[in-house]
């Protein structure tokens, strides 16, 4: 039960930071989203994000910072195995399932729902 509470607290805090950025800055949503991915990469590189995942589970892996962490860890792993060539393949290899799922769900939504003109 405590795992769910930590997931809610950590995930909610990450989302609250995004909401504060939307409400109180002039940053565009695209810049905020990109910033979250980059923040996940940086926190992963500093060794901070994995302990956060260990405590919060899905509360830390589901937000975009988790996607940045996933990319960084995939690149780190591939660089260890393949050398510098892993920089180009690691991120896509580690995130291929998530990217594919997003594309398929997007395609399904586009097929099911019809856009309305305003």
PDB file of N, CA and C in Angstrom:
ATOM      1  N   UNK A   1       0.815  -1.195   0.000  1.00  0.00           N
ATOM      2  CA  UNK A   1       0.000   0.000   0.000  1.00  0.00           C
ATOM      3  C   UNK A   1       0.861   1.263   0.000  1.00  0.00           C
ATOM      4  N   UNK A   2       1.970   1.201   0.723  1.00  0.00           N
ATOM      5  CA  UNK A   2       2.858   2.350   0.811  1.00  0.00           C
ATOM      6  C   UNK A   2       3.466   2.693  -0.553  1.00  0.00           C
ATOM      7  N   UNK A   3       3.671   1.666  -1.394  1.00  0.00           N
ATOM      8  CA  UNK A   3       4.200   1.896  -2.740  1.00  0.00           C
ATOM      9  C   UNK A   3       3.269   2.801  -3.550  1.00  0.00           C
ATOM     10  N   UNK A   4       1.979   2.587  -3.418  1.00  0.00           N
ATOM     11  CA  UNK A   4       0.998   3.395  -4.142  1.00  0.00           C
ATOM     12  C   UNK A   4       0.997   4.843  -3.651  1.00  0.00           C
ATOM     13  N   UNK A   5       1.156   4.998  -2.363  1.00  0.00           N
ATOM     14  CA  UNK A   5       1.179   6.353  -1.796  1.00  0.00           C
ATOM     15  C   UNK A   5       2.398   7.112  -2.306  1.00  0.00           C
ATOM     16  N   UNK A   6       3.579   6.450  -2.288  1.00  0.00           N
ATOM     17  CA  UNK A   6       4.783   7.106  -2.804  1.00  0.00           C
ATOM     18  C   UNK A   6       4.672   7.398  -4.293  1.00  0.00           C
ATOM     19  N   UNK A   7       4.081   6.479  -5.041  1.00  0.00           N
ATOM     20  CA  UNK A   7       3.891   6.713  -6.477  1.00  0.00           C
ATOM     21  C   UNK A   7       3.006   7.938  -6.698  1.00  0.00           C
ATOM     22  N   UNK A   8       1.963   8.056  -5.911  1.00  0.00           N
ATOM     23  CA  UNK A   8       1.059   9.200  -6.028  1.00  0.00           C
ATOM     24  C   UNK A   8       1.767  10.495  -5.646  1.00  0.00           C
ATOM     25  N   UNK A   9       2.528  10.477  -4.565  1.00  0.00           N
ATOM     26  CA  UNK A   9       3.209  11.687  -4.093  1.00  0.00           C
ATOM     27  C   UNK A   9       4.273  12.139  -5.092  1.00  0.00           C
ATOM     28  N   UNK A  10       5.136  11.226  -5.519  1.00  0.00           N
ATOM     29  CA  UNK A  10       6.233  11.581  -6.427  1.00  0.00           C
ATOM     30  C   UNK A  10       5.682  11.948  -7.806  1.00  0.00           C
ATOM     31  N   UNK A  11       4.775  11.133  -8.338  1.00  0.00           N
ATOM     32  CA  UNK A  11       4.176  11.445  -9.639  1.00  0.00           C
ATOM     33  C   UNK A  11       3.402  12.749  -9.597  1.00  0.00           C
ATOM     34  N   UNK A  12       2.679  12.971  -8.518  1.00  0.00           N
ATOM     35  CA  UNK A  12       1.936  14.223  -8.362  1.00  0.00           C
ATOM     36  C   UNK A  12       2.853  15.423  -8.264  1.00  0.00           C
ATOM     37  N   UNK A  13       3.990  15.264  -7.584  1.00  0.00           N
ATOM     38  CA  UNK A  13       4.942  16.368  -7.465  1.00  0.00           C
ATOM     39  C   UNK A  13       5.537  16.724  -8.824  1.00  0.00           C
ATOM     40  N   UNK A  14       5.850  15.708  -9.619  1.00  0.00           N
ATOM     41  CA  UNK A  14       6.387  15.959 -10.960  1.00  0.00           C
ATOM     42  C   UNK A  14       5.345  16.701 -11.810  1.00  0.00           C
ATOM     43  N   UNK A  15       4.116  16.248 -11.741  1.00  0.00           N
ATOM     44  CA  UNK A  15       3.052  16.908 -12.499  1.00  0.00           C
ATOM     45  C   UNK A  15       2.768  18.317 -11.979  1.00  0.00           C
ATOM     46  N   UNK A  16       2.893  18.507 -10.672  1.00  0.00           N
ATOM     47  CA  UNK A  16       2.673  19.839 -10.090  1.00  0.00           C
ATOM     48  C   UNK A  16       3.730  20.821 -10.589  1.00  0.00           C
ATOM     49  N   UNK A  17       4.974  20.352 -10.741  1.00  0.00           N
ATOM     50  CA  UNK A  17       6.022  21.214 -11.296  1.00  0.00           C
ATOM     51  C   UNK A  17       5.632  21.640 -12.708  1.00  0.00           C
ATOM     52  N   UNK A  18       5.131  20.709 -13.502  1.00  0.00           N
ATOM     53  CA  UNK A  18       4.686  21.040 -14.859  1.00  0.00           C
ATOM     54  C   UNK A  18       3.553  22.049 -14.855  1.00  0.00           C
ATOM     55  N   UNK A  19       2.615  21.889 -13.937  1.00  0.00           N
ATOM     56  CA  UNK A  19       1.483  22.817 -13.859  1.00  0.00           C
ATOM     57  C   UNK A  19       1.943  24.213 -13.450  1.00  0.00           C
ATOM     58  N   UNK A  20       2.885  24.286 -12.528  1.00  0.00           N
ATOM     59  CA  UNK A  20       3.434  25.582 -12.117  1.00  0.00           C
ATOM     60  C   UNK A  20       4.131  26.253 -13.305  1.00  0.00           C
ATOM     61  N   UNK A  21       4.873  25.471 -14.071  1.00  0.00           N
ATOM     62  CA  UNK A  21       5.543  26.031 -15.260  1.00  0.00           C
ATOM     63  C   UNK A  21       4.528  26.550 -16.278  1.00  0.00           C
ATOM     64  N   UNK A  22       3.433  25.836 -16.446  1.00  0.00           N
ATOM     65  CA  UNK A  22       2.392  26.278 -17.377  1.00  0.00           C
ATOM     66  C   UNK A  22       1.735  27.565 -16.878  1.00  0.00           C
ATOM     67  N   UNK A  23       1.419  27.609 -15.582  1.00  0.00           N
ATOM     68  CA  UNK A  23       0.669  28.737 -15.015  1.00  0.00           C
ATOM     69  C   UNK A  23       1.493  30.006 -14.823  1.00  0.00           C
ATOM     70  N   UNK A  24       2.756  29.870 -14.483  1.00  0.00           N
ATOM     71  CA  UNK A  24       3.528  31.038 -14.057  1.00  0.00           C
ATOM     72  C   UNK A  24       4.708  31.405 -14.952  1.00  0.00           C
ATOM     73  N   UNK A  25       4.879  30.717 -16.053  1.00  0.00           N
ATOM     74  CA  UNK A  25       5.937  31.096 -16.996  1.00  0.00           C
ATOM     75  C   UNK A  25       5.316  31.276 -18.377  1.00  0.00           C
ATOM     76  N   UNK A  26       6.087  31.793 -19.273  1.00  0.00           N
ATOM     77  CA  UNK A  26       5.632  31.939 -20.651  1.00  0.00           C
ATOM     78  C   UNK A  26       6.179  30.829 -21.532  1.00  0.00           C
ATOM     79  N   UNK A  27       6.645  29.754 -20.904  1.00  0.00           N
ATOM     80  CA  UNK A  27       7.144  28.616 -21.671  1.00  0.00           C
ATOM     81  C   UNK A  27       5.995  27.932 -22.407  1.00  0.00           C
ATOM     82  N   UNK A  28       6.254  27.524 -23.632  1.00  0.00           N
ATOM     83  CA  UNK A  28       5.243  26.791 -24.392  1.00  0.00           C
ATOM     84  C   UNK A  28       5.174  25.355 -23.878  1.00  0.00           C
ATOM     85  N   UNK A  29       4.051  24.682 -24.083  1.00  0.00           N
ATOM     86  CA  UNK A  29       3.957  23.286 -23.657  1.00  0.00           C
ATOM     87  C   UNK A  29       5.059  22.408 -24.275  1.00  0.00           C
ATOM     88  N   UNK A  30       5.416  22.682 -25.520  1.00  0.00           N
ATOM     89  CA  UNK A  30       6.471  21.884 -26.159  1.00  0.00           C
ATOM     90  C   UNK A  30       7.798  22.046 -25.427  1.00  0.00           C
ATOM     91  N   UNK A  31       8.107  23.261 -24.994  1.00  0.00           N
ATOM     92  CA  UNK A  31       9.365  23.494 -24.264  1.00  0.00           C
ATOM     93  C   UNK A  31       9.326  22.843 -22.889  1.00  0.00           C
ATOM     94  N   UNK A  32       8.181  22.867 -22.258  1.00  0.00           N
ATOM     95  CA  UNK A  32       8.053  22.236 -20.945  1.00  0.00           C
ATOM     96  C   UNK A  32       8.220  20.724 -21.081  1.00  0.00           C
ATOM     97  N   UNK A  33       7.563  20.132 -22.059  1.00  0.00           N
ATOM     98  CA  UNK A  33       7.679  18.688 -22.261  1.00  0.00           C
ATOM     99  C   UNK A  33       9.111  18.282 -22.577  1.00  0.00           C
ATOM    100  N   UNK A  34       9.759  19.049 -23.447  1.00  0.00           N
ATOM    101  CA  UNK A  34      11.150  18.771 -23.779  1.00  0.00           C
ATOM    102  C   UNK A  34      12.029  18.941 -22.543  1.00  0.00           C
ATOM    103  N   UNK A  35      11.749  19.953 -21.758  1.00  0.00           N
ATOM    104  CA  UNK A  35      12.504  20.176 -20.526  1.00  0.00           C
ATOM    105  C   UNK A  35      12.379  19.013 -19.556  1.00  0.00           C
ATOM    106  N   UNK A  36      11.205  18.417 -19.470  1.00  0.00           N
ATOM    107  CA  UNK A  36      11.014  17.264 -18.605  1.00  0.00           C
ATOM    108  C   UNK A  36      11.837  16.067 -19.081  1.00  0.00           C
ATOM    109  N   UNK A  37      11.881  15.834 -20.377  1.00  0.00           N
ATOM    110  CA  UNK A  37      12.683  14.724 -20.900  1.00  0.00           C
ATOM    111  C   UNK A  37      14.164  14.971 -20.603  1.00  0.00           C
ATOM    112  N   UNK A  38      14.635  16.183 -20.854  1.00  0.00           N
ATOM    113  CA  UNK A  38      16.032  16.526 -20.584  1.00  0.00           C
ATOM    114  C   UNK A  38      16.326  16.427 -19.089  1.00  0.00           C
ATOM    115  N   UNK A  39      15.402  16.865 -18.247  1.00  0.00           N
ATOM    116  CA  UNK A  39      15.588  16.756 -16.797  1.00  0.00           C
ATOM    117  C   UNK A  39      15.726  15.291 -16.377  1.00  0.00           C
ATOM    118  N   UNK A  40      14.946  14.407 -16.987  1.00  0.00           N
ATOM    119  CA  UNK A  40      15.062  12.982 -16.699  1.00  0.00           C
ATOM    120  C   UNK A  40      16.427  12.436 -17.084  1.00  0.00           C
ATOM    121  N   UNK A  41      16.947  12.891 -18.236  1.00  0.00           N
ATOM    122  CA  UNK A  41      18.279  12.467 -18.669  1.00  0.00           C
ATOM    123  C   UNK A  41      19.331  12.964 -17.684  1.00  0.00           C
ATOM    124  N   UNK A  42      19.253  14.242 -17.300  1.00  0.00           N
ATOM    125  CA  UNK A  42      20.240  14.815 -16.386  1.00  0.00           C
ATOM    126  C   UNK A  42      20.185  14.161 -15.004  1.00  0.00           C
ATOM    127  N   UNK A  43      18.982  13.976 -14.479  1.00  0.00           N
ATOM    128  CA  UNK A  43      18.856  13.322 -13.175  1.00  0.00           C
ATOM    129  C   UNK A  43      19.344  11.884 -13.217  1.00  0.00           C
ATOM    130  N   UNK A  44      19.158  11.232 -14.343  1.00  0.00           N
ATOM    131  CA  UNK A  44      19.667   9.875 -14.518  1.00  0.00           C
ATOM    132  C   UNK A  44      21.186   9.871 -14.563  1.00  0.00           C
ATOM    133  N   UNK A  45      21.755  10.820 -15.287  1.00  0.00           N
ATOM    134  CA  UNK A  45      23.217  10.912 -15.392  1.00  0.00           C
ATOM    135  C   UNK A  45      23.844  11.201 -14.035  1.00  0.00           C
ATOM    136  N   UNK A  46      23.156  11.948 -13.182  1.00  0.00           N
ATOM    137  CA  UNK A  46      23.665  12.272 -11.853  1.00  0.00           C
ATOM    138  C   UNK A  46      23.406  11.155 -10.840  1.00  0.00           C
ATOM    139  N   UNK A  47      22.698  10.108 -11.271  1.00  0.00           N
ATOM    140  CA  UNK A  47      22.409   8.988 -10.385  1.00  0.00           C
ATOM    141  C   UNK A  47      21.272   9.241  -9.415  1.00  0.00           C
ATOM    142  N   UNK A  48      20.477  10.262  -9.685  1.00  0.00           N
ATOM    143  CA  UNK A  48      19.386  10.628  -8.783  1.00  0.00           C
ATOM    144  C   UNK A  48      18.080   9.945  -9.170  1.00  0.00           C
ATOM    145  N   UNK A  49      17.871   9.692 -10.453  1.00  0.00           N
ATOM    146  CA  UNK A  49      16.549   9.238 -10.887  1.00  0.00           C
ATOM    147  C   UNK A  49      16.273   7.772 -10.549  1.00  0.00           C
ATOM    148  N   UNK A  50      17.278   6.902 -10.604  1.00  0.00           N
ATOM    149  CA  UNK A  50      17.028   5.488 -10.299  1.00  0.00           C
ATOM    150  C   UNK A  50      16.548   5.290  -8.861  1.00  0.00           C
ATOM    151  N   UNK A  51      17.153   5.949  -7.860  1.00  0.00           N
ATOM    152  CA  UNK A  51      16.594   5.811  -6.503  1.00  0.00           C
ATOM    153  C   UNK A  51      15.157   6.330  -6.404  1.00  0.00           C
ATOM    154  N   UNK A  52      14.833   7.352  -7.174  1.00  0.00           N
ATOM    155  CA  UNK A  52      13.462   7.870  -7.199  1.00  0.00           C
ATOM    156  C   UNK A  52      12.511   6.811  -7.753  1.00  0.00           C
ATOM    157  N   UNK A  53      12.939   6.109  -8.780  1.00  0.00           N
ATOM    158  CA  UNK A  53      12.132   5.028  -9.352  1.00  0.00           C
ATOM    159  C   UNK A  53      11.981   3.884  -8.355  1.00  0.00           C
ATOM    160  N   UNK A  54      13.057   3.587  -7.630  1.00  0.00           N
ATOM    161  CA  UNK A  54      12.999   2.514  -6.642  1.00  0.00           C
ATOM    162  C   UNK A  54      11.962   2.803  -5.558  1.00  0.00           C
ATOM    163  N   UNK A  55      11.773   4.070  -5.223  1.00  0.00           N
ATOM    164  CA  UNK A  55      10.805   4.451  -4.196  1.00  0.00           C
ATOM    165  C   UNK A  55       9.406   4.594  -4.792  1.00  0.00           C
ATOM    166  N   UNK A  56       9.307   5.285  -5.937  1.00  0.00           N
ATOM    167  CA  UNK A  56       7.994   5.673  -6.468  1.00  0.00           C
ATOM    168  C   UNK A  56       7.459   4.750  -7.552  1.00  0.00           C
ATOM    169  N   UNK A  57       8.262   3.899  -8.140  1.00  0.00           N
ATOM    170  CA  UNK A  57       7.787   3.004  -9.193  1.00  0.00           C
ATOM    171  C   UNK A  57       7.177   3.767 -10.351  1.00  0.00           C
ATOM    172  N   UNK A  58       5.916   3.474 -10.657  1.00  0.00           N
ATOM    173  CA  UNK A  58       5.216   4.104 -11.772  1.00  0.00           C
ATOM    174  C   UNK A  58       5.053   5.608 -11.619  1.00  0.00           C
ATOM    175  N   UNK A  59       5.100   6.108 -10.395  1.00  0.00           N
ATOM    176  CA  UNK A  59       5.006   7.544 -10.180  1.00  0.00           C
ATOM    177  C   UNK A  59       6.193   8.297 -10.751  1.00  0.00           C
ATOM    178  N   UNK A  60       7.307   7.590 -10.953  1.00  0.00           N
ATOM    179  CA  UNK A  60       8.492   8.217 -11.531  1.00  0.00           C
ATOM    180  C   UNK A  60       8.749   7.775 -12.967  1.00  0.00           C
ATOM    181  N   UNK A  61       8.246   6.609 -13.371  1.00  0.00           N
ATOM    182  CA  UNK A  61       8.514   6.131 -14.729  1.00  0.00           C
ATOM    183  C   UNK A  61       7.485   6.602 -15.744  1.00  0.00           C
ATOM    184  N   UNK A  62       6.274   6.884 -15.323  1.00  0.00           N
ATOM    185  CA  UNK A  62       5.221   7.281 -16.252  1.00  0.00           C
ATOM    186  C   UNK A  62       5.374   8.710 -16.770  1.00  0.00           C
ATOM    187  N   UNK A  63       5.736   9.695 -15.937  1.00  0.00           N
ATOM    188  CA  UNK A  63       5.907  11.055 -16.481  1.00  0.00           C
ATOM    189  C   UNK A  63       7.057  11.125 -17.497  1.00  0.00           C
ATOM    190  N   UNK A  64       7.136  12.216 -18.206  1.00  0.00           N
ATOM    191  CA  UNK A  64       8.156  12.357 -19.243  1.00  0.00           C
ATOM    192  C   UNK A  64       9.575  12.318 -18.701  1.00  0.00           C
ATOM    193  N   UNK A  65       9.766  12.643 -17.444  1.00  0.00           N
ATOM    194  CA  UNK A  65      11.098  12.502 -16.865  1.00  0.00           C
ATOM    195  C   UNK A  65      11.524  11.038 -16.882  1.00  0.00           C
ATOM    196  N   UNK A  66      10.569  10.141 -16.725  1.00  0.00           N
ATOM    197  CA  UNK A  66      10.853   8.706 -16.813  1.00  0.00           C
ATOM    198  C   UNK A  66      11.278   8.302 -18.211  1.00  0.00           C
ATOM    199  N   UNK A  67      10.708   8.944 -19.233  1.00  0.00           N
ATOM    200  CA  UNK A  67      11.120   8.672 -20.610  1.00  0.00           C
ATOM    201  C   UNK A  67      12.563   9.128 -20.824  1.00  0.00           C
ATOM    202  N   UNK A  68      12.925  10.278 -20.268  1.00  0.00           N
ATOM    203  CA  UNK A  68      14.304  10.740 -20.356  1.00  0.00           C
ATOM    204  C   UNK A  68      15.252   9.770 -19.674  1.00  0.00           C
ATOM    205  N   UNK A  69      14.852   9.266 -18.520  1.00  0.00           N
ATOM    206  CA  UNK A  69      15.663   8.275 -17.802  1.00  0.00           C
ATOM    207  C   UNK A  69      15.816   7.002 -18.645  1.00  0.00           C
ATOM    208  N   UNK A  70      14.730   6.570 -19.252  1.00  0.00           N
ATOM    209  CA  UNK A  70      14.768   5.376 -20.098  1.00  0.00           C
ATOM    210  C   UNK A  70      15.742   5.553 -21.258  1.00  0.00           C
ATOM    211  N   UNK A  71      15.707   6.710 -21.897  1.00  0.00           N
ATOM    212  CA  UNK A  71      16.640   6.990 -22.991  1.00  0.00           C
ATOM    213  C   UNK A  71      18.082   6.967 -22.497  1.00  0.00           C
ATOM    214  N   UNK A  72      18.348   7.634 -21.379  1.00  0.00           N
ATOM    215  CA  UNK A  72      19.707   7.706 -20.847  1.00  0.00           C
ATOM    216  C   UNK A  72      20.229   6.330 -20.458  1.00  0.00           C
ATOM    217  N   UNK A  73      19.404   5.531 -19.813  1.00  0.00           N
ATOM    218  CA  UNK A  73      19.842   4.195 -19.413  1.00  0.00           C
ATOM    219  C   UNK A  73      20.075   3.289 -20.622  1.00  0.00           C
ATOM    220  N   UNK A  74      19.227   3.421 -21.641  1.00  0.00           N
ATOM    221  CA  UNK A  74      19.433   2.638 -22.862  1.00  0.00           C
ATOM    222  C   UNK A  74      20.736   2.997 -23.553  1.00  0.00           C
ATOM    223  N   UNK A  75      21.026   4.269 -23.601  1.00  0.00           N
ATOM    224  CA  UNK A  75      22.282   4.722 -24.218  1.00  0.00           C
ATOM    225  C   UNK A  75      23.466   4.254 -23.389  1.00  0.00           C
ATOM    226  N   UNK A  76      23.388   4.393 -22.071  1.00  0.00           N
ATOM    227  CA  UNK A  76      24.481   3.945 -21.194  1.00  0.00           C
ATOM    228  C   UNK A  76      24.772   2.459 -21.398  1.00  0.00           C
ATOM    229  N   UNK A  77      23.711   1.666 -21.441  1.00  0.00           N
ATOM    230  CA  UNK A  77      23.867   0.220 -21.600  1.00  0.00           C
ATOM    231  C   UNK A  77      24.481  -0.118 -22.956  1.00  0.00           C
ATOM    232  N   UNK A  78      23.978   0.500 -24.025  1.00  0.00           N
ATOM    233  CA  UNK A  78      24.502   0.208 -25.363  1.00  0.00           C
ATOM    234  C   UNK A  78      25.934   0.698 -25.549  1.00  0.00           C
ATOM    235  N   UNK A  79      26.298   1.803 -24.911  1.00  0.00           N
ATOM    236  CA  UNK A  79      27.683   2.277 -24.996  1.00  0.00           C
ATOM    237  C   UNK A  79      28.612   1.276 -24.313  1.00  0.00           C
ATOM    238  N   UNK A  80      28.174   0.701 -23.190  1.00  0.00           N
ATOM    239  CA  UNK A  80      28.973  -0.316 -22.512  1.00  0.00           C
ATOM    240  C   UNK A  80      29.162  -1.550 -23.384  1.00  0.00           C
ATOM    241  N   UNK A  81      28.115  -1.932 -24.131  1.00  0.00           N
ATOM    242  CA  UNK A  81      28.171  -3.147 -24.940  1.00  0.00           C
ATOM    243  C   UNK A  81      28.796  -2.937 -26.316  1.00  0.00           C
ATOM    244  N   UNK A  82      28.488  -1.814 -26.974  1.00  0.00           N
ATOM    245  CA  UNK A  82      28.876  -1.609 -28.361  1.00  0.00           C
ATOM    246  C   UNK A  82      29.887  -0.488 -28.566  1.00  0.00           C
ATOM    247  N   UNK A  83      30.223   0.224 -27.522  1.00  0.00           N
ATOM    248  CA  UNK A  83      31.110   1.373 -27.667  1.00  0.00           C
ATOM    249  C   UNK A  83      30.323   2.612 -28.061  1.00  0.00           C
ATOM    250  N   UNK A  84      31.013   3.554 -28.675  1.00  0.00           N
ATOM    251  CA  UNK A  84      30.379   4.837 -29.007  1.00  0.00           C
ATOM    252  C   UNK A  84      29.212   4.706 -29.974  1.00  0.00           C
ATOM    253  N   UNK A  85      29.153   3.624 -30.737  1.00  0.00           N
ATOM    254  CA  UNK A  85      28.021   3.406 -31.640  1.00  0.00           C
ATOM    255  C   UNK A  85      26.707   3.264 -30.862  1.00  0.00           C
ATOM    256  N   UNK A  86      26.797   2.868 -29.596  1.00  0.00           N
ATOM    257  CA  UNK A  86      25.616   2.720 -28.759  1.00  0.00           C
ATOM    258  C   UNK A  86      24.901   4.029 -28.495  1.00  0.00           C
ATOM    259  N   UNK A  87      25.591   5.155 -28.695  1.00  0.00           N
ATOM    260  CA  UNK A  87      24.946   6.462 -28.526  1.00  0.00           C
ATOM    261  C   UNK A  87      23.762   6.595 -29.483  1.00  0.00           C
ATOM    262  N   UNK A  88      23.906   6.041 -30.664  1.00  0.00           N
ATOM    263  CA  UNK A  88      22.871   6.197 -31.690  1.00  0.00           C
ATOM    264  C   UNK A  88      21.771   5.152 -31.596  1.00  0.00           C
ATOM    265  N   UNK A  89      22.064   3.987 -31.036  1.00  0.00           N
ATOM    266  CA  UNK A  89      21.066   2.916 -31.022  1.00  0.00           C
ATOM    267  C   UNK A  89      20.415   2.696 -29.657  1.00  0.00           C
ATOM    268  N   UNK A  90      21.077   3.063 -28.596  1.00  0.00           N
ATOM    269  CA  UNK A  90      20.591   2.730 -27.253  1.00  0.00           C
ATOM    270  C   UNK A  90      19.257   3.323 -26.886  1.00  0.00           C
ATOM    271  N   UNK A  91      19.046   4.587 -27.188  1.00  0.00           N
ATOM    272  CA  UNK A  91      17.797   5.238 -26.822  1.00  0.00           C
ATOM    273  C   UNK A  91      16.596   4.632 -27.512  1.00  0.00           C
ATOM    274  N   UNK A  92      16.742   4.372 -28.810  1.00  0.00           N
ATOM    275  CA  UNK A  92      15.624   3.771 -29.552  1.00  0.00           C
ATOM    276  C   UNK A  92      15.388   2.326 -29.145  1.00  0.00           C
ATOM    277  N   UNK A  93      16.452   1.600 -28.894  1.00  0.00           N
ATOM    278  CA  UNK A  93      16.295   0.205 -28.487  1.00  0.00           C
ATOM    279  C   UNK A  93      15.542   0.106 -27.170  1.00  0.00           C
ATOM    280  N   UNK A  94      15.886   0.944 -26.218  1.00  0.00           N
ATOM    281  CA  UNK A  94      15.253   0.856 -24.901  1.00  0.00           C
ATOM    282  C   UNK A  94      13.823   1.374 -24.887  1.00  0.00           C
ATOM    283  N   UNK A  95      13.497   2.274 -25.791  1.00  0.00           N
ATOM    284  CA  UNK A  95      12.159   2.875 -25.768  1.00  0.00           C
ATOM    285  C   UNK A  95      11.265   2.427 -26.922  1.00  0.00           C
ATOM    286  N   UNK A  96      11.701   1.435 -27.671  1.00  0.00           N
ATOM    287  CA  UNK A  96      10.951   1.010 -28.857  1.00  0.00           C
ATOM    288  C   UNK A  96       9.523   0.556 -28.527  1.00  0.00           C
ATOM    289  N   UNK A  97       9.356  -0.176 -27.443  1.00  0.00           N
ATOM    290  CA  UNK A  97       8.014  -0.675 -27.098  1.00  0.00           C
ATOM    291  C   UNK A  97       7.070   0.486 -26.773  1.00  0.00           C
ATOM    292  N   UNK A  98       7.547   1.461 -26.018  1.00  0.00           N
ATOM    293  CA  UNK A  98       6.711   2.611 -25.664  1.00  0.00           C
ATOM    294  C   UNK A  98       6.364   3.466 -26.864  1.00  0.00           C
ATOM    295  N   UNK A  99       7.339   3.683 -27.742  1.00  0.00           N
ATOM    296  CA  UNK A  99       7.090   4.477 -28.953  1.00  0.00           C
ATOM    297  C   UNK A  99       6.086   3.765 -29.854  1.00  0.00           C
ATOM    298  N   UNK A 100       6.255   2.455 -30.002  1.00  0.00           N
ATOM    299  CA  UNK A 100       5.329   1.678 -30.831  1.00  0.00           C
ATOM    300  C   UNK A 100       3.921   1.710 -30.256  1.00  0.00           C
ATOM    301  N   UNK A 101       3.796   1.555 -28.941  1.00  0.00           N
ATOM    302  CA  UNK A 101       2.475   1.596 -28.305  1.00  0.00           C
ATOM    303  C   UNK A 101       1.818   2.954 -28.522  1.00  0.00           C
ATOM    304  N   UNK A 102       2.581   4.032 -28.368  1.00  0.00           N
ATOM    305  CA  UNK A 102       2.018   5.368 -28.568  1.00  0.00           C
ATOM    306  C   UNK A 102       1.532   5.544 -30.004  1.00  0.00           C
ATOM    307  N   UNK A 103       2.292   5.050 -30.960  1.00  0.00           N
ATOM    308  CA  UNK A 103       1.885   5.168 -32.362  1.00  0.00           C
ATOM    309  C   UNK A 103       0.627   4.347 -32.638  1.00  0.00           C
ATOM    310  N   UNK A 104       0.552   3.121 -32.108  1.00  0.00           N
ATOM    311  CA  UNK A 104      -0.614   2.272 -32.357  1.00  0.00           C
ATOM    312  C   UNK A 104      -1.875   2.823 -31.684  1.00  0.00           C
ATOM    313  N   UNK A 105      -1.736   3.323 -30.447  1.00  0.00           N
ATOM    314  CA  UNK A 105      -2.898   3.915 -29.775  1.00  0.00           C
ATOM    315  C   UNK A 105      -3.345   5.191 -30.483  1.00  0.00           C
ATOM    316  N   UNK A 106      -2.397   5.965 -30.977  1.00  0.00           N
ATOM    317  CA  UNK A 106      -2.745   7.164 -31.740  1.00  0.00           C
ATOM    318  C   UNK A 106      -3.478   6.816 -33.021  1.00  0.00           C
ATOM    319  N   UNK A 107      -3.006   5.785 -33.705  1.00  0.00           N
ATOM    320  CA  UNK A 107      -3.660   5.321 -34.932  1.00  0.00           C
ATOM    321  C   UNK A 107      -5.068   4.818 -34.633  1.00  0.00           C
ATOM    322  N   UNK A 108      -5.206   4.051 -33.547  1.00  0.00           N
ATOM    323  CA  UNK A 108      -6.535   3.539 -33.178  1.00  0.00           C
ATOM    324  C   UNK A 108      -7.485   4.680 -32.844  1.00  0.00           C
ATOM    325  N   UNK A 109      -7.005   5.672 -32.100  1.00  0.00           N
ATOM    326  CA  UNK A 109      -7.860   6.816 -31.761  1.00  0.00           C
ATOM    327  C   UNK A 109      -8.270   7.583 -33.010  1.00  0.00           C
ATOM    328  N   UNK A 110      -7.341   7.738 -33.953  1.00  0.00           N
ATOM    329  CA  UNK A 110      -7.653   8.450 -35.191  1.00  0.00           C
ATOM    330  C   UNK A 110      -8.670   7.676 -36.026  1.00  0.00           C
ATOM    331  N   UNK A 111      -8.617   6.357 -35.964  1.00  0.00           N
ATOM    332  CA  UNK A 111      -9.549   5.538 -36.738  1.00  0.00           C
ATOM    333  C   UNK A 111     -10.941   5.517 -36.110  1.00  0.00           C
ATOM    334  N   UNK A 112     -11.003   5.584 -34.786  1.00  0.00           N
ATOM    335  CA  UNK A 112     -12.281   5.478 -34.093  1.00  0.00           C
ATOM    336  C   UNK A 112     -13.014   6.817 -34.030  1.00  0.00           C
ATOM    337  N   UNK A 113     -12.297   7.875 -33.702  1.00  0.00           N
ATOM    338  CA  UNK A 113     -12.930   9.174 -33.483  1.00  0.00           C
ATOM    339  C   UNK A 113     -12.754  10.070 -34.698  1.00  0.00           C
ATOM    340  N   UNK A 114     -13.776  10.836 -34.998  1.00  0.00           N
ATOM    341  CA  UNK A 114     -13.746  11.749 -36.134  1.00  0.00           C
ATOM    342  C   UNK A 114     -13.580  13.172 -35.628  1.00  0.00           C
ATOM    343  N   UNK A 115     -12.670  13.951 -36.213  1.00  0.00           N
ATOM    344  CA  UNK A 115     -12.506  15.332 -35.753  1.00  0.00           C
ATOM    345  C   UNK A 115     -13.710  16.178 -36.145  1.00  0.00           C
ATOM    346  N   UNK A 116     -13.993  17.176 -35.334  1.00  0.00           N
ATOM    347  CA  UNK A 116     -15.097  18.081 -35.613  1.00  0.00           C
ATOM    348  C   UNK A 116     -14.535  19.448 -35.926  1.00  0.00           C
ATOM    349  N   UNK A 117     -15.111  20.097 -36.922  1.00  0.00           N
ATOM    350  CA  UNK A 117     -14.714  21.464 -37.224  1.00  0.00           C
ATOM    351  C   UNK A 117     -15.346  22.411 -36.216  1.00  0.00           C
ATOM    352  N   UNK A 118     -14.605  23.430 -35.832  1.00  0.00           N
ATOM    353  CA  UNK A 118     -15.155  24.388 -34.861  1.00  0.00           C
ATOM    354  C   UNK A 118     -15.700  25.598 -35.561  1.00  0.00           C
TER     355      UNK A 118
END
